[in-house]
C-alpha cells in the first residue's frame, strides 16, 4: 500500500494553495529508425511531440561547489511534477512556466522557458526534473 495517494500528489501541485504553478509541457519529438541487418526496417516514435498544461512546483535551489580557493555559487532550477502528468518526460523536453503573479495581478516572476536536463523519478508518484533556463 503506497504511503501517498493520487489525492496527495494533486494537493502538492495545487495552484490554489500557493505551492503549485501552471506550466506548458512540450515533449521533444524524437524518433528512432531501426535498420539493423536482418530485421525489417521499422520506425519508432519515442515521444509524441505533444504539448499540454500541467501543474508543478518550481524551485531555484542554491548550490555551492568548493573548488579549493574560490567557491562557485549559483542557483539550479528544479521542478517537481506528478509522474502521471508527464509519464514520458525525457531530456530535451521543454517546460514553459507561466508568470507568477500576486492576487492583484502584479508579476512576481515573468514567464520562463526551461529545457529538461535530468529526470529523477522517486518511483512513488513524483518526478524531480533538473532544468536549464532558456
Protein backbone atom coordinates (compact mmCIF):
# COMPACT_ATOMS: atom_id res chain seq x y z
CA UNK A 1 0.00 0.00 0.00
CA UNK A 2 1.51 3.36 -1.01
CA UNK A 3 2.17 5.95 1.62
CA UNK A 4 0.73 8.70 -0.58
CA UNK A 5 -2.29 8.69 -2.85
CA UNK A 6 -3.13 10.49 -6.08
CA UNK A 7 -5.11 12.99 -3.99
CA UNK A 8 -1.94 13.78 -2.01
CA UNK A 9 0.04 14.42 -5.19
CA UNK A 10 -2.76 16.63 -6.53
CA UNK A 11 -2.66 18.71 -3.35
CA UNK A 12 1.11 19.18 -3.63
CA UNK A 13 0.87 20.86 -7.04
CA UNK A 14 -2.49 22.60 -6.45
CA UNK A 15 -2.27 26.21 -7.63
CA UNK A 16 -4.90 27.43 -5.14
CA UNK A 17 -2.70 26.53 -2.14
CA UNK A 18 0.22 28.64 -3.32
CA UNK A 19 2.54 25.66 -3.84
CA UNK A 20 1.90 24.86 -7.48
CA UNK A 21 2.14 26.93 -10.63
CA UNK A 22 0.78 26.25 -14.11
CA UNK A 23 3.08 25.45 -16.99
CA UNK A 24 3.01 24.10 -20.52
CA UNK A 25 4.93 20.89 -21.12
CA UNK A 26 6.31 20.22 -24.63
CA UNK A 27 7.56 16.72 -25.49
CA UNK A 28 10.55 16.70 -27.80
CA UNK A 29 9.70 14.84 -30.99
CA UNK A 30 12.23 12.02 -31.04
CA UNK A 31 12.22 9.14 -33.44
CA UNK A 32 14.37 6.09 -33.93
CA UNK A 33 14.98 4.41 -37.24
CA UNK A 34 15.83 0.75 -36.73
CA UNK A 35 17.67 -0.58 -39.77
CA UNK A 36 19.77 -3.32 -38.21
CA UNK A 37 20.87 -6.09 -40.56
CA UNK A 38 18.39 -8.96 -40.85
CA UNK A 39 15.47 -7.08 -39.30
CA UNK A 40 12.53 -5.49 -41.01
CA UNK A 41 13.10 -1.73 -41.10
CA UNK A 42 10.84 -0.03 -38.60
CA UNK A 43 10.12 3.44 -37.34
CA UNK A 44 9.63 4.07 -33.63
CA UNK A 45 8.02 7.25 -32.32
CA UNK A 46 9.56 7.66 -28.86
CA UNK A 47 7.87 10.93 -27.86
CA UNK A 48 4.74 12.25 -29.48
CA UNK A 49 5.75 15.91 -29.68
CA UNK A 50 2.54 16.90 -27.87
CA UNK A 51 2.13 19.87 -25.56
CA UNK A 52 -0.28 20.23 -22.68
CA UNK A 53 -0.88 22.19 -19.50
CA UNK A 54 0.37 20.81 -16.17
CA UNK A 55 0.77 21.96 -12.59
CA UNK A 56 4.18 21.76 -10.93
CA UNK A 57 6.27 23.08 -8.08
CA UNK A 58 9.17 25.22 -9.27
CA UNK A 59 12.26 25.70 -7.12
CA UNK A 60 15.52 27.61 -7.55
CA UNK A 61 17.85 25.71 -5.24
CA UNK A 62 21.08 27.41 -4.14
CA UNK A 63 24.28 25.43 -4.61
CA UNK A 64 27.93 25.96 -3.81
CA UNK A 65 30.83 23.93 -5.19
CA UNK A 66 34.05 24.21 -3.22
CA UNK A 67 36.90 24.30 -5.72
CA UNK A 68 39.63 24.83 -3.15
CA UNK A 69 40.33 28.56 -3.23
CA UNK A 70 37.11 30.10 -4.52
CA UNK A 71 33.66 28.53 -4.31
CA UNK A 72 31.39 28.51 -7.33
CA UNK A 73 27.90 29.55 -6.33
CA UNK A 74 24.62 29.76 -8.17
CA UNK A 75 21.05 28.56 -8.45
CA UNK A 76 19.79 25.34 -10.04
CA UNK A 77 16.19 25.44 -11.27
CA UNK A 78 14.16 22.32 -10.48
CA UNK A 79 10.56 21.27 -10.93
CA UNK A 80 8.54 18.68 -9.06
CA UNK A 81 5.79 17.15 -11.21
CA UNK A 82 3.29 14.33 -10.80
CA UNK A 83 4.54 11.34 -12.77
CA UNK A 84 1.05 10.72 -14.15
CA UNK A 85 1.12 14.19 -15.78
CA UNK A 86 4.41 13.53 -17.62
CA UNK A 87 4.84 9.75 -17.93
CA UNK A 88 7.25 10.01 -20.88
CA UNK A 89 9.30 13.03 -19.82
CA UNK A 90 12.85 12.92 -21.15
CA UNK A 91 15.91 15.03 -21.81
CA UNK A 92 15.40 17.99 -24.15
CA UNK A 93 11.67 18.29 -23.45
CA UNK A 94 10.63 21.89 -22.76
CA UNK A 95 8.61 23.43 -19.96
CA UNK A 96 7.29 26.98 -20.07
CA UNK A 97 6.28 28.13 -16.59
CA UNK A 98 3.53 30.73 -16.65
CA UNK A 99 4.16 34.08 -14.97
CA UNK A 100 3.76 34.00 -11.21
CA UNK A 101 1.57 36.88 -10.07
CA UNK A 102 0.11 38.31 -6.89
CA UNK A 103 -3.63 38.41 -6.21
CA UNK A 104 -3.86 41.94 -7.65
CA UNK A 105 -2.04 40.91 -10.87
CA UNK A 106 1.47 42.21 -10.20
CA UNK A 107 4.07 39.96 -11.82
CA UNK A 108 6.50 38.43 -9.31
CA UNK A 109 8.29 36.15 -11.79
CA UNK A 110 7.82 36.52 -15.56
CA UNK A 111 7.01 33.58 -17.85
CA UNK A 112 10.14 31.45 -18.12
CA UNK A 113 11.17 28.75 -20.59
CA UNK A 114 13.21 25.76 -19.41
CA UNK A 115 14.89 22.79 -21.06
CA UNK A 116 14.80 19.43 -19.25
CA UNK A 117 18.35 18.33 -18.42
CA UNK A 118 17.76 15.45 -15.99
CA UNK A 119 14.78 13.41 -14.81
CA UNK A 120 14.73 11.82 -11.35
CA UNK A 121 11.57 9.79 -10.63
CA UNK A 122 11.01 8.84 -6.99
CA UNK A 123 9.16 5.63 -8.04
CA UNK A 124 6.24 6.60 -5.82
CA UNK A 125 4.45 9.19 -7.96
CA UNK A 126 6.51 12.37 -8.27
CA UNK A 127 9.36 13.33 -10.60
CA UNK A 128 12.17 15.77 -9.80
CA UNK A 129 13.25 17.48 -13.02
CA UNK A 130 16.55 19.36 -13.31
CA UNK A 131 16.05 22.33 -15.63
CA UNK A 132 18.14 24.75 -17.67
CA UNK A 133 16.73 28.23 -18.19
CA UNK A 134 16.48 29.21 -21.86
